Structures are given as C-alpha cells and as structure tokens.
PDB file of N, CA and C in Angstrom:
ATOM      1  N   MET A   1       3.136 -25.224 -10.194  1.00  0.00           N
ATOM      2  CA  MET A   1       3.915 -24.438 -11.200  1.00  0.00           C
ATOM      3  C   MET A   1       5.378 -24.636 -10.847  1.00  0.00           C
ATOM      4  N   ALA A   2       6.202 -24.540 -11.854  1.00  0.00           N
ATOM      5  CA  ALA A   2       7.635 -24.736 -11.699  1.00  0.00           C
ATOM      6  C   ALA A   2       8.233 -23.690 -10.774  1.00  0.00           C
ATOM      7  N   ASP A   3       9.444 -23.981 -10.275  1.00  0.00           N
ATOM      8  CA  ASP A   3      10.071 -23.009  -9.412  1.00  0.00           C
ATOM      9  C   ASP A   3      10.859 -21.982 -10.205  1.00  0.00           C
ATOM     10  N   TYR A   4      10.727 -22.030 -11.520  1.00  0.00           N
ATOM     11  CA  TYR A   4      11.266 -21.047 -12.489  1.00  0.00           C
ATOM     12  C   TYR A   4      12.790 -20.960 -12.358  1.00  0.00           C
ATOM     13  N   HIS A   5      13.317 -19.822 -12.059  1.00  0.00           N
ATOM     14  CA  HIS A   5      14.764 -19.549 -12.250  1.00  0.00           C
ATOM     15  C   HIS A   5      15.556 -19.859 -11.025  1.00  0.00           C
ATOM     16  N   VAL A   6      15.028 -19.861  -9.836  1.00  0.00           N
ATOM     17  CA  VAL A   6      15.758 -20.010  -8.659  1.00  0.00           C
ATOM     18  C   VAL A   6      15.118 -21.016  -7.712  1.00  0.00           C
ATOM     19  N   LYS A   7      15.888 -21.999  -7.338  1.00  0.00           N
ATOM     20  CA  LYS A   7      15.352 -22.918  -6.344  1.00  0.00           C
ATOM     21  C   LYS A   7      15.114 -22.201  -4.993  1.00  0.00           C
ATOM     22  N   ASP A   8      14.046 -22.614  -4.341  1.00  0.00           N
ATOM     23  CA  ASP A   8      13.674 -21.986  -2.999  1.00  0.00           C
ATOM     24  C   ASP A   8      13.421 -20.532  -3.154  1.00  0.00           C
ATOM     25  N   ASN A   9      12.801 -20.070  -4.247  1.00  0.00           N
ATOM     26  CA  ASN A   9      12.659 -18.673  -4.428  1.00  0.00           C
ATOM     27  C   ASN A   9      11.725 -18.029  -3.438  1.00  0.00           C
ATOM     28  N   VAL A  10      10.836 -18.743  -2.768  1.00  0.00           N
ATOM     29  CA  VAL A  10      10.057 -18.133  -1.691  1.00  0.00           C
ATOM     30  C   VAL A  10      10.973 -17.778  -0.462  1.00  0.00           C
ATOM     31  N   LYS A  11      11.887 -18.652  -0.197  1.00  0.00           N
ATOM     32  CA  LYS A  11      12.905 -18.405   0.914  1.00  0.00           C
ATOM     33  C   LYS A  11      13.719 -17.147   0.604  1.00  0.00           C
ATOM     34  N   HIS A  12      14.191 -17.137  -0.662  1.00  0.00           N
ATOM     35  CA  HIS A  12      15.036 -15.987  -1.037  1.00  0.00           C
ATOM     36  C   HIS A  12      14.299 -14.640  -1.095  1.00  0.00           C
ATOM     37  N   ARG A  13      13.062 -14.722  -1.557  1.00  0.00           N
ATOM     38  CA  ARG A  13      12.218 -13.498  -1.527  1.00  0.00           C
ATOM     39  C   ARG A  13      12.027 -12.992  -0.173  1.00  0.00           C
ATOM     40  N   ALA A  14      11.730 -13.929   0.782  1.00  0.00           N
ATOM     41  CA  ALA A  14      11.605 -13.551   2.243  1.00  0.00           C
ATOM     42  C   ALA A  14      12.912 -12.892   2.723  1.00  0.00           C
ATOM     43  N   ARG A  15      14.039 -13.398   2.392  1.00  0.00           N
ATOM     44  CA  ARG A  15      15.320 -12.897   2.777  1.00  0.00           C
ATOM     45  C   ARG A  15      15.471 -11.444   2.218  1.00  0.00           C
ATOM     46  N   LEU A  16      15.151 -11.236   0.989  1.00  0.00           N
ATOM     47  CA  LEU A  16      15.172  -9.905   0.374  1.00  0.00           C
ATOM     48  C   LEU A  16      14.343  -8.925   1.166  1.00  0.00           C
ATOM     49  N   ARG A  17      13.132  -9.351   1.480  1.00  0.00           N
ATOM     50  CA  ARG A  17      12.234  -8.499   2.279  1.00  0.00           C
ATOM     51  C   ARG A  17      12.816  -8.196   3.644  1.00  0.00           C
ATOM     52  N   GLN A  18      13.417  -9.213   4.270  1.00  0.00           N
ATOM     53  CA  GLN A  18      13.995  -9.105   5.580  1.00  0.00           C
ATOM     54  C   GLN A  18      15.186  -8.091   5.626  1.00  0.00           C
ATOM     55  N   LEU A  19      15.978  -8.075   4.502  1.00  0.00           N
ATOM     56  CA  LEU A  19      17.098  -7.179   4.512  1.00  0.00           C
ATOM     57  C   LEU A  19      16.708  -5.713   4.412  1.00  0.00           C
ATOM     58  N   ARG A  20      15.629  -5.429   3.659  1.00  0.00           N
ATOM     59  CA  ARG A  20      15.166  -4.032   3.536  1.00  0.00           C
ATOM     60  C   ARG A  20      13.667  -3.965   3.643  1.00  0.00           C
ATOM     61  N   PRO A  21      13.084  -4.161   4.805  1.00  0.00           N
ATOM     62  CA  PRO A  21      11.639  -4.261   5.022  1.00  0.00           C
ATOM     63  C   PRO A  21      10.964  -2.967   4.618  1.00  0.00           C
ATOM     64  N   GLU A  22      11.544  -1.819   4.833  1.00  0.00           N
ATOM     65  CA  GLU A  22      10.860  -0.563   4.476  1.00  0.00           C
ATOM     66  C   GLU A  22      10.718  -0.473   2.964  1.00  0.00           C
ATOM     67  N   LEU A  23      11.683  -0.903   2.173  1.00  0.00           N
ATOM     68  CA  LEU A  23      11.549  -0.882   0.773  1.00  0.00           C
ATOM     69  C   LEU A  23      10.616  -1.875   0.161  1.00  0.00           C
ATOM     70  N   ALA A  24      10.571  -3.065   0.870  1.00  0.00           N
ATOM     71  CA  ALA A  24       9.655  -4.082   0.421  1.00  0.00           C
ATOM     72  C   ALA A  24       8.245  -3.629   0.739  1.00  0.00           C
ATOM     73  N   LYS A  25       8.009  -2.967   1.866  1.00  0.00           N
ATOM     74  CA  LYS A  25       6.678  -2.442   2.189  1.00  0.00           C
ATOM     75  C   LYS A  25       6.263  -1.347   1.220  1.00  0.00           C
ATOM     76  N   ALA A  26       7.174  -0.466   0.897  1.00  0.00           N
ATOM     77  CA  ALA A  26       6.897   0.616  -0.041  1.00  0.00           C
ATOM     78  C   ALA A  26       6.557   0.070  -1.419  1.00  0.00           C
ATOM     79  N   PHE A  27       7.243  -0.947  -1.876  1.00  0.00           N
ATOM     80  CA  PHE A  27       6.939  -1.594  -3.126  1.00  0.00           C
ATOM     81  C   PHE A  27       5.502  -2.219  -3.075  1.00  0.00           C
ATOM     82  N   SER A  28       5.250  -2.903  -1.989  1.00  0.00           N
ATOM     83  CA  SER A  28       3.947  -3.604  -1.812  1.00  0.00           C
ATOM     84  C   SER A  28       2.850  -2.583  -1.842  1.00  0.00           C
ATOM     85  N   ASN A  29       3.027  -1.495  -1.068  1.00  0.00           N
ATOM     86  CA  ASN A  29       1.997  -0.396  -1.069  1.00  0.00           C
ATOM     87  C   ASN A  29       1.768   0.179  -2.464  1.00  0.00           C
ATOM     88  N   PHE A  30       2.824   0.427  -3.220  1.00  0.00           N
ATOM     89  CA  PHE A  30       2.742   0.947  -4.559  1.00  0.00           C
ATOM     90  C   PHE A  30       1.991  -0.030  -5.427  1.00  0.00           C
ATOM     91  N   SER A  31       2.325  -1.343  -5.355  1.00  0.00           N
ATOM     92  CA  SER A  31       1.674  -2.325  -6.198  1.00  0.00           C
ATOM     93  C   SER A  31       0.210  -2.332  -5.947  1.00  0.00           C
ATOM     94  N   GLU A  32      -0.188  -2.387  -4.642  1.00  0.00           N
ATOM     95  CA  GLU A  32      -1.586  -2.389  -4.300  1.00  0.00           C
ATOM     96  C   GLU A  32      -2.354  -1.187  -4.795  1.00  0.00           C
ATOM     97  N   ALA A  33      -1.720  -0.023  -4.708  1.00  0.00           N
ATOM     98  CA  ALA A  33      -2.339   1.206  -5.196  1.00  0.00           C
ATOM     99  C   ALA A  33      -2.553   1.166  -6.715  1.00  0.00           C
ATOM    100  N   VAL A  34      -1.539   0.691  -7.422  1.00  0.00           N
ATOM    101  CA  VAL A  34      -1.581   0.676  -8.858  1.00  0.00           C
ATOM    102  C   VAL A  34      -2.682  -0.157  -9.335  1.00  0.00           C
ATOM    103  N   PHE A  35      -2.942  -1.292  -8.764  1.00  0.00           N
ATOM    104  CA  PHE A  35      -3.951  -2.269  -9.205  1.00  0.00           C
ATOM    105  C   PHE A  35      -5.362  -2.033  -8.666  1.00  0.00           C
ATOM    106  N   LYS A  36      -5.582  -0.985  -7.902  1.00  0.00           N
ATOM    107  CA  LYS A  36      -6.964  -0.648  -7.454  1.00  0.00           C
ATOM    108  C   LYS A  36      -7.677  -0.036  -8.652  1.00  0.00           C
ATOM    109  N   ASP A  37      -9.050  -0.261  -8.591  1.00  0.00           N
ATOM    110  CA  ASP A  37      -9.839   0.381  -9.620  1.00  0.00           C
ATOM    111  C   ASP A  37      -9.612   1.892  -9.676  1.00  0.00           C
ATOM    112  N   GLY A  38      -9.506   2.438 -10.875  1.00  0.00           N
ATOM    113  CA  GLY A  38      -9.329   3.864 -10.989  1.00  0.00           C
ATOM    114  C   GLY A  38      -9.959   4.198 -12.361  1.00  0.00           C
ATOM    115  N   ALA A  39      -9.232   4.992 -13.159  1.00  0.00           N
ATOM    116  CA  ALA A  39      -9.649   5.267 -14.520  1.00  0.00           C
ATOM    117  C   ALA A  39      -9.789   3.961 -15.302  1.00  0.00           C
ATOM    118  N   LEU A  40      -8.941   3.020 -14.913  1.00  0.00           N
ATOM    119  CA  LEU A  40      -9.027   1.685 -15.499  1.00  0.00           C
ATOM    120  C   LEU A  40      -9.443   0.674 -14.407  1.00  0.00           C
ATOM    121  N   SER A  41     -10.269  -0.290 -14.791  1.00  0.00           N
ATOM    122  CA  SER A  41     -10.598  -1.237 -13.741  1.00  0.00           C
ATOM    123  C   SER A  41      -9.421  -2.172 -13.419  1.00  0.00           C
ATOM    124  N   SER A  42      -9.525  -2.779 -12.267  1.00  0.00           N
ATOM    125  CA  SER A  42      -8.412  -3.705 -11.791  1.00  0.00           C
ATOM    126  C   SER A  42      -8.323  -4.840 -12.850  1.00  0.00           C
ATOM    127  N   LYS A  43      -9.464  -5.322 -13.391  1.00  0.00           N
ATOM    128  CA  LYS A  43      -9.399  -6.358 -14.386  1.00  0.00           C
ATOM    129  C   LYS A  43      -8.611  -5.912 -15.604  1.00  0.00           C
ATOM    130  N   VAL A  44      -8.808  -4.729 -16.124  1.00  0.00           N
ATOM    131  CA  VAL A  44      -8.093  -4.219 -17.272  1.00  0.00           C
ATOM    132  C   VAL A  44      -6.685  -4.042 -16.954  1.00  0.00           C
ATOM    133  N   LYS A  45      -6.348  -3.523 -15.758  1.00  0.00           N
ATOM    134  CA  LYS A  45      -4.962  -3.386 -15.284  1.00  0.00           C
ATOM    135  C   LYS A  45      -4.204  -4.714 -15.312  1.00  0.00           C
ATOM    136  N   ASN A  46      -4.896  -5.749 -14.831  1.00  0.00           N
ATOM    137  CA  ASN A  46      -4.262  -7.083 -14.824  1.00  0.00           C
ATOM    138  C   ASN A  46      -4.128  -7.634 -16.250  1.00  0.00           C
ATOM    139  N   LEU A  47      -5.040  -7.390 -17.153  1.00  0.00           N
ATOM    140  CA  LEU A  47      -4.850  -7.729 -18.558  1.00  0.00           C
ATOM    141  C   LEU A  47      -3.643  -7.048 -19.168  1.00  0.00           C
ATOM    142  N   ILE A  48      -3.458  -5.766 -18.810  1.00  0.00           N
ATOM    143  CA  ILE A  48      -2.260  -5.038 -19.264  1.00  0.00           C
ATOM    144  C   ILE A  48      -1.025  -5.688 -18.696  1.00  0.00           C
ATOM    145  N   ALA A  49      -1.125  -6.038 -17.375  1.00  0.00           N
ATOM    146  CA  ALA A  49       0.022  -6.662 -16.713  1.00  0.00           C
ATOM    147  C   ALA A  49       0.378  -8.012 -17.391  1.00  0.00           C
ATOM    148  N   ILE A  50      -0.602  -8.772 -17.772  1.00  0.00           N
ATOM    149  CA  ILE A  50      -0.356 -10.015 -18.495  1.00  0.00           C
ATOM    150  C   ILE A  50       0.475  -9.752 -19.741  1.00  0.00           C
ATOM    151  N   GLY A  51       0.091  -8.801 -20.557  1.00  0.00           N
ATOM    152  CA  GLY A  51       0.840  -8.447 -21.742  1.00  0.00           C
ATOM    153  C   GLY A  51       2.218  -8.058 -21.405  1.00  0.00           C
ATOM    154  N   VAL A  52       2.371  -7.113 -20.487  1.00  0.00           N
ATOM    155  CA  VAL A  52       3.765  -6.655 -20.072  1.00  0.00           C
ATOM    156  C   VAL A  52       4.565  -7.821 -19.512  1.00  0.00           C
ATOM    157  N   ALA A  53       3.955  -8.658 -18.756  1.00  0.00           N
ATOM    158  CA  ALA A  53       4.698  -9.780 -18.204  1.00  0.00           C
ATOM    159  C   ALA A  53       5.222 -10.700 -19.323  1.00  0.00           C
ATOM    160  N   HIS A  54       4.438 -10.856 -20.412  1.00  0.00           N
ATOM    161  CA  HIS A  54       4.933 -11.619 -21.517  1.00  0.00           C
ATOM    162  C   HIS A  54       6.057 -10.957 -22.231  1.00  0.00           C
ATOM    163  N   THR A  55       6.089  -9.626 -22.304  1.00  0.00           N
ATOM    164  CA  THR A  55       7.188  -8.937 -22.975  1.00  0.00           C
ATOM    165  C   THR A  55       8.447  -8.894 -22.092  1.00  0.00           C
ATOM    166  N   THR A  56       8.239  -8.790 -20.739  1.00  0.00           N
ATOM    167  CA  THR A  56       9.395  -8.799 -19.821  1.00  0.00           C
ATOM    168  C   THR A  56       9.812 -10.283 -19.489  1.00  0.00           C
ATOM    169  N   GLN A  57       8.997 -11.181 -19.833  1.00  0.00           N
ATOM    170  CA  GLN A  57       9.214 -12.655 -19.638  1.00  0.00           C
ATOM    171  C   GLN A  57       9.351 -13.015 -18.175  1.00  0.00           C
ATOM    172  N   CYS A  58       8.421 -12.461 -17.364  1.00  0.00           N
ATOM    173  CA  CYS A  58       8.503 -12.752 -15.987  1.00  0.00           C
ATOM    174  C   CYS A  58       7.442 -13.910 -15.663  1.00  0.00           C
ATOM    175  N   PRO A  59       7.917 -15.059 -15.395  1.00  0.00           N
ATOM    176  CA  PRO A  59       6.911 -16.162 -15.206  1.00  0.00           C
ATOM    177  C   PRO A  59       6.058 -16.027 -13.992  1.00  0.00           C
ATOM    178  N   TRP A  60       6.548 -15.404 -12.956  1.00  0.00           N
ATOM    179  CA  TRP A  60       5.820 -15.163 -11.737  1.00  0.00           C
ATOM    180  C   TRP A  60       4.698 -14.187 -12.001  1.00  0.00           C
ATOM    181  N   CYS A  61       5.004 -13.150 -12.722  1.00  0.00           N
ATOM    182  CA  CYS A  61       4.010 -12.140 -13.067  1.00  0.00           C
ATOM    183  C   CYS A  61       2.963 -12.724 -13.985  1.00  0.00           C
ATOM    184  N   ILE A  62       3.399 -13.526 -14.932  1.00  0.00           N
ATOM    185  CA  ILE A  62       2.413 -14.137 -15.778  1.00  0.00           C
ATOM    186  C   ILE A  62       1.435 -14.866 -15.013  1.00  0.00           C
ATOM    187  N   GLU A  63       1.911 -15.832 -14.200  1.00  0.00           N
ATOM    188  CA  GLU A  63       1.002 -16.680 -13.379  1.00  0.00           C
ATOM    189  C   GLU A  63       0.159 -15.826 -12.425  1.00  0.00           C
ATOM    190  N   GLY A  64       0.720 -14.941 -11.702  1.00  0.00           N
ATOM    191  CA  GLY A  64      -0.081 -14.141 -10.776  1.00  0.00           C
ATOM    192  C   GLY A  64      -1.137 -13.289 -11.409  1.00  0.00           C
ATOM    193  N   HIS A  65      -0.766 -12.650 -12.502  1.00  0.00           N
ATOM    194  CA  HIS A  65      -1.767 -11.707 -13.090  1.00  0.00           C
ATOM    195  C   HIS A  65      -2.851 -12.478 -13.898  1.00  0.00           C
ATOM    196  N   VAL A  66      -2.500 -13.649 -14.478  1.00  0.00           N
ATOM    197  CA  VAL A  66      -3.569 -14.440 -15.080  1.00  0.00           C
ATOM    198  C   VAL A  66      -4.538 -14.877 -14.034  1.00  0.00           C
ATOM    199  N   LYS A  67      -4.044 -15.373 -12.899  1.00  0.00           N
ATOM    200  CA  LYS A  67      -4.942 -15.868 -11.807  1.00  0.00           C
ATOM    201  C   LYS A  67      -5.806 -14.672 -11.363  1.00  0.00           C
ATOM    202  N   ARG A  68      -5.196 -13.542 -11.129  1.00  0.00           N
ATOM    203  CA  ARG A  68      -5.947 -12.321 -10.636  1.00  0.00           C
ATOM    204  C   ARG A  68      -6.968 -11.881 -11.643  1.00  0.00           C
ATOM    205  N   ALA A  69      -6.595 -11.870 -12.879  1.00  0.00           N
ATOM    206  CA  ALA A  69      -7.513 -11.433 -13.972  1.00  0.00           C
ATOM    207  C   ALA A  69      -8.713 -12.359 -14.008  1.00  0.00           C
ATOM    208  N   LYS A  70      -8.474 -13.646 -13.885  1.00  0.00           N
ATOM    209  CA  LYS A  70      -9.566 -14.609 -13.876  1.00  0.00           C
ATOM    210  C   LYS A  70     -10.477 -14.376 -12.707  1.00  0.00           C
ATOM    211  N   GLU A  71      -9.894 -14.132 -11.457  1.00  0.00           N
ATOM    212  CA  GLU A  71     -10.740 -13.825 -10.307  1.00  0.00           C
ATOM    213  C   GLU A  71     -11.563 -12.598 -10.494  1.00  0.00           C
ATOM    214  N   LEU A  72     -11.166 -11.636 -11.341  1.00  0.00           N
ATOM    215  CA  LEU A  72     -11.795 -10.378 -11.535  1.00  0.00           C
ATOM    216  C   LEU A  72     -12.759 -10.463 -12.752  1.00  0.00           C
ATOM    217  N   GLY A  73     -12.933 -11.674 -13.331  1.00  0.00           N
ATOM    218  CA  GLY A  73     -13.905 -11.893 -14.373  1.00  0.00           C
ATOM    219  C   GLY A  73     -13.367 -11.882 -15.788  1.00  0.00           C
ATOM    220  N   ALA A  74     -12.049 -11.837 -15.949  1.00  0.00           N
ATOM    221  CA  ALA A  74     -11.539 -11.906 -17.310  1.00  0.00           C
ATOM    222  C   ALA A  74     -11.754 -13.186 -17.987  1.00  0.00           C
ATOM    223  N   THR A  75     -12.108 -13.209 -19.211  1.00  0.00           N
ATOM    224  CA  THR A  75     -12.409 -14.438 -19.920  1.00  0.00           C
ATOM    225  C   THR A  75     -11.087 -14.993 -20.440  1.00  0.00           C
ATOM    226  N   ASP A  76     -11.099 -16.295 -20.829  1.00  0.00           N
ATOM    227  CA  ASP A  76      -9.922 -16.821 -21.500  1.00  0.00           C
ATOM    228  C   ASP A  76      -9.533 -16.149 -22.707  1.00  0.00           C
ATOM    229  N   GLU A  77     -10.573 -15.760 -23.465  1.00  0.00           N
ATOM    230  CA  GLU A  77     -10.383 -15.033 -24.706  1.00  0.00           C
ATOM    231  C   GLU A  77      -9.724 -13.671 -24.510  1.00  0.00           C
ATOM    232  N   GLU A  78     -10.112 -12.920 -23.452  1.00  0.00           N
ATOM    233  CA  GLU A  78      -9.439 -11.674 -23.132  1.00  0.00           C
ATOM    234  C   GLU A  78      -7.974 -11.886 -22.833  1.00  0.00           C
ATOM    235  N   ILE A  79      -7.698 -12.933 -21.991  1.00  0.00           N
ATOM    236  CA  ILE A  79      -6.329 -13.172 -21.638  1.00  0.00           C
ATOM    237  C   ILE A  79      -5.503 -13.571 -22.831  1.00  0.00           C
ATOM    238  N   ALA A  80      -6.071 -14.391 -23.676  1.00  0.00           N
ATOM    239  CA  ALA A  80      -5.318 -14.798 -24.917  1.00  0.00           C
ATOM    240  C   ALA A  80      -5.112 -13.517 -25.792  1.00  0.00           C
ATOM    241  N   GLU A  81      -6.042 -12.648 -25.915  1.00  0.00           N
ATOM    242  CA  GLU A  81      -5.851 -11.486 -26.685  1.00  0.00           C
ATOM    243  C   GLU A  81      -4.773 -10.597 -26.105  1.00  0.00           C
ATOM    244  N   ALA A  82      -4.727 -10.508 -24.837  1.00  0.00           N
ATOM    245  CA  ALA A  82      -3.649  -9.632 -24.213  1.00  0.00           C
ATOM    246  C   ALA A  82      -2.304 -10.227 -24.530  1.00  0.00           C
ATOM    247  N   ILE A  83      -2.205 -11.554 -24.602  1.00  0.00           N
ATOM    248  CA  ILE A  83      -0.943 -12.230 -24.865  1.00  0.00           C
ATOM    249  C   ILE A  83      -0.612 -11.946 -26.411  1.00  0.00           C
ATOM    250  N   PHE A  84      -1.603 -11.989 -27.259  1.00  0.00           N
ATOM    251  CA  PHE A  84      -1.328 -11.695 -28.666  1.00  0.00           C
ATOM    252  C   PHE A  84      -0.881 -10.233 -28.842  1.00  0.00           C
ATOM    253  N   VAL A  85      -1.425  -9.328 -28.089  1.00  0.00           N
ATOM    254  CA  VAL A  85      -0.962  -7.938 -28.195  1.00  0.00           C
ATOM    255  C   VAL A  85       0.501  -7.863 -27.815  1.00  0.00           C
ATOM    256  N   ALA A  86       0.871  -8.568 -26.694  1.00  0.00           N
ATOM    257  CA  ALA A  86       2.282  -8.563 -26.294  1.00  0.00           C
ATOM    258  C   ALA A  86       3.134  -9.182 -27.379  1.00  0.00           C
ATOM    259  N   MET A  87       2.678 -10.332 -28.027  1.00  0.00           N
ATOM    260  CA  MET A  87       3.444 -10.884 -29.067  1.00  0.00           C
ATOM    261  C   MET A  87       3.710  -9.905 -30.202  1.00  0.00           C
ATOM    262  N   GLU A  88       2.626  -9.164 -30.558  1.00  0.00           N
ATOM    263  CA  GLU A  88       2.790  -8.194 -31.673  1.00  0.00           C
ATOM    264  C   GLU A  88       3.803  -7.135 -31.311  1.00  0.00           C
ATOM    265  N   MET A  89       3.725  -6.571 -30.064  1.00  0.00           N
ATOM    266  CA  MET A  89       4.581  -5.549 -29.583  1.00  0.00           C
ATOM    267  C   MET A  89       6.053  -6.043 -29.619  1.00  0.00           C
ATOM    268  N   ARG A  90       6.245  -7.223 -29.094  1.00  0.00           N
ATOM    269  CA  ARG A  90       7.598  -7.830 -29.100  1.00  0.00           C
ATOM    270  C   ARG A  90       8.126  -8.038 -30.480  1.00  0.00           C
ATOM    271  N   ALA A  91       7.294  -8.551 -31.373  1.00  0.00           N
ATOM    272  CA  ALA A  91       7.823  -8.798 -32.734  1.00  0.00           C
ATOM    273  C   ALA A  91       7.989  -7.439 -33.425  1.00  0.00           C
ATOM    274  N   GLY A  92       7.055  -6.533 -33.124  1.00  0.00           N
ATOM    275  CA  GLY A  92       7.160  -5.210 -33.760  1.00  0.00           C
ATOM    276  C   GLY A  92       8.467  -4.470 -33.336  1.00  0.00           C
ATOM    277  N   ALA A  93       8.860  -4.701 -32.124  1.00  0.00           N
ATOM    278  CA  ALA A  93      10.073  -4.093 -31.621  1.00  0.00           C
ATOM    279  C   ALA A  93      11.249  -4.664 -32.257  1.00  0.00           C
ATOM    280  N   ALA A  94      11.210  -5.987 -32.476  1.00  0.00           N
ATOM    281  CA  ALA A  94      12.386  -6.657 -33.170  1.00  0.00           C
ATOM    282  C   ALA A  94      12.466  -6.130 -34.584  1.00  0.00           C
ATOM    283  N   PHE A  95      11.313  -5.995 -35.269  1.00  0.00           N
ATOM    284  CA  PHE A  95      11.260  -5.463 -36.602  1.00  0.00           C
ATOM    285  C   PHE A  95      11.823  -4.064 -36.711  1.00  0.00           C
ATOM    286  N   THR A  96      11.335  -3.161 -35.828  1.00  0.00           N
ATOM    287  CA  THR A  96      11.792  -1.818 -35.906  1.00  0.00           C
ATOM    288  C   THR A  96      13.266  -1.664 -35.493  1.00  0.00           C
ATOM    289  N   HIS A  97      13.718  -2.517 -34.515  1.00  0.00           N
ATOM    290  CA  HIS A  97      15.139  -2.510 -34.199  1.00  0.00           C
ATOM    291  C   HIS A  97      16.026  -3.048 -35.284  1.00  0.00           C
ATOM    292  N   GLY A  98      15.466  -3.770 -36.189  1.00  0.00           N
ATOM    293  CA  GLY A  98      16.178  -4.237 -37.325  1.00  0.00           C
ATOM    294  C   GLY A  98      16.738  -3.035 -38.101  1.00  0.00           C
ATOM    295  N   THR A  99      16.193  -1.906 -37.980  1.00  0.00           N
ATOM    296  CA  THR A  99      16.768  -0.716 -38.644  1.00  0.00           C
ATOM    297  C   THR A  99      18.128  -0.352 -38.109  1.00  0.00           C
ATOM    298  N   ILE A 100      18.377  -0.644 -36.824  1.00  0.00           N
ATOM    299  CA  ILE A 100      19.740  -0.521 -36.210  1.00  0.00           C
ATOM    300  C   ILE A 100      20.765  -1.337 -36.935  1.00  0.00           C
ATOM    301  N   ALA A 101      20.376  -2.571 -37.161  1.00  0.00           N
ATOM    302  CA  ALA A 101      21.253  -3.496 -37.904  1.00  0.00           C
ATOM    303  C   ALA A 101      21.518  -2.995 -39.302  1.00  0.00           C
ATOM    304  N   MET A 102      20.476  -2.552 -39.978  1.00  0.00           N
ATOM    305  CA  MET A 102      20.567  -2.060 -41.376  1.00  0.00           C
ATOM    306  C   MET A 102      21.527  -0.867 -41.399  1.00  0.00           C
ATOM    307  N   ALA A 103      21.354   0.047 -40.407  1.00  0.00           N
ATOM    308  CA  ALA A 103      22.210   1.227 -40.335  1.00  0.00           C
ATOM    309  C   ALA A 103      23.656   0.819 -40.112  1.00  0.00           C
ATOM    310  N   ALA A 104      23.883  -0.199 -39.246  1.00  0.00           N
ATOM    311  CA  ALA A 104      25.226  -0.677 -38.987  1.00  0.00           C
ATOM    312  C   ALA A 104      25.824  -1.303 -40.286  1.00  0.00           C
ATOM    313  N   LEU A 105      25.056  -1.985 -40.993  1.00  0.00           N
ATOM    314  CA  LEU A 105      25.533  -2.601 -42.228  1.00  0.00           C
ATOM    315  C   LEU A 105      25.943  -1.453 -43.243  1.00  0.00           C
ATOM    316  N   GLU A 106      25.080  -0.424 -43.236  1.00  0.00           N
ATOM    317  CA  GLU A 106      25.436   0.698 -44.162  1.00  0.00           C
ATOM    318  C   GLU A 106      26.737   1.370 -43.710  1.00  0.00           C
ATOM    319  N   GLU A 107      26.934   1.545 -42.432  1.00  0.00           N
ATOM    320  CA  GLU A 107      28.175   2.131 -41.863  1.00  0.00           C
ATOM    321  C   GLU A 107      29.334   1.312 -42.175  1.00  0.00           C
ATOM    322  N   ALA A 108      29.175  -0.030 -42.111  1.00  0.00           N
ATOM    323  CA  ALA A 108      30.293  -0.971 -42.309  1.00  0.00           C
ATOM    324  C   ALA A 108      30.819  -0.905 -43.747  1.00  0.00           C
ATOM    325  N   LYS A 109      29.910  -0.457 -44.684  1.00  0.00           N
ATOM    326  CA  LYS A 109      30.333  -0.401 -46.100  1.00  0.00           C
ATOM    327  C   LYS A 109      31.172   0.835 -46.338  1.00  0.00           C
ATOM    328  N   SER A 110      31.123   1.812 -45.437  1.00  0.00           N
ATOM    329  CA  SER A 110      31.898   3.040 -45.637  1.00  0.00           C
ATOM    330  C   SER A 110      33.350   2.865 -45.351  1.00  0.00           C
TER     331      SER A 110
END
C-alpha cells in the first residue's frame, strides 16, 4: 500500500509515541476497548469504522479497518455497503450545507 501523505510515516509515528508515551498508551487502550465486542460486535464496529474512515478520508483507517473487518468475517458486500452509506452521508452533508450558500446568497441581495 502507498505511504499516503508522509514519507517514512512509521518512523514518524514512532517518534510521536516516543515523545508522549503515556498519551499514546491511553489512546491505544481506548481504541482496544472501543473495538471489543459489546452491544455491537467487533465486526459491526469495524464496518462502522470503514464508513467513518471514508468520510474522514483517512487512508490508514480505511486499510486497517477493511482488513480487520475481513478477519472478523465481514463479506465484500458488507464492506461495499458500508462505503455506500458513507458516500450517501457525505453527499447528504454537502446537499444540506448547500442551504448555507443559499442563505448567503439571500443575504447578499439585501
């Protein structure tokens, strides 16, 4: 997979953890707790994460959560559907935020 936005991102991520290890550990613990089976299964949580990762446009999250969802038994169709839900939400947000532009146009006429 591509190195995305930053060359040597693994090295830089290690440096970030080295600078504030207690915060890195707290984040890691939180992440592990969130993705454990609970009211929602870990598989469902990873499908949600795939959708969120597509709306936040995080390539590392997309790759990681797709791989984890597959390990947990998610089908290609479930993953594709999660992506389509994200697409609808992103497009829906652009559509509804269009009202801000319409309001600005109305104010500009005054």
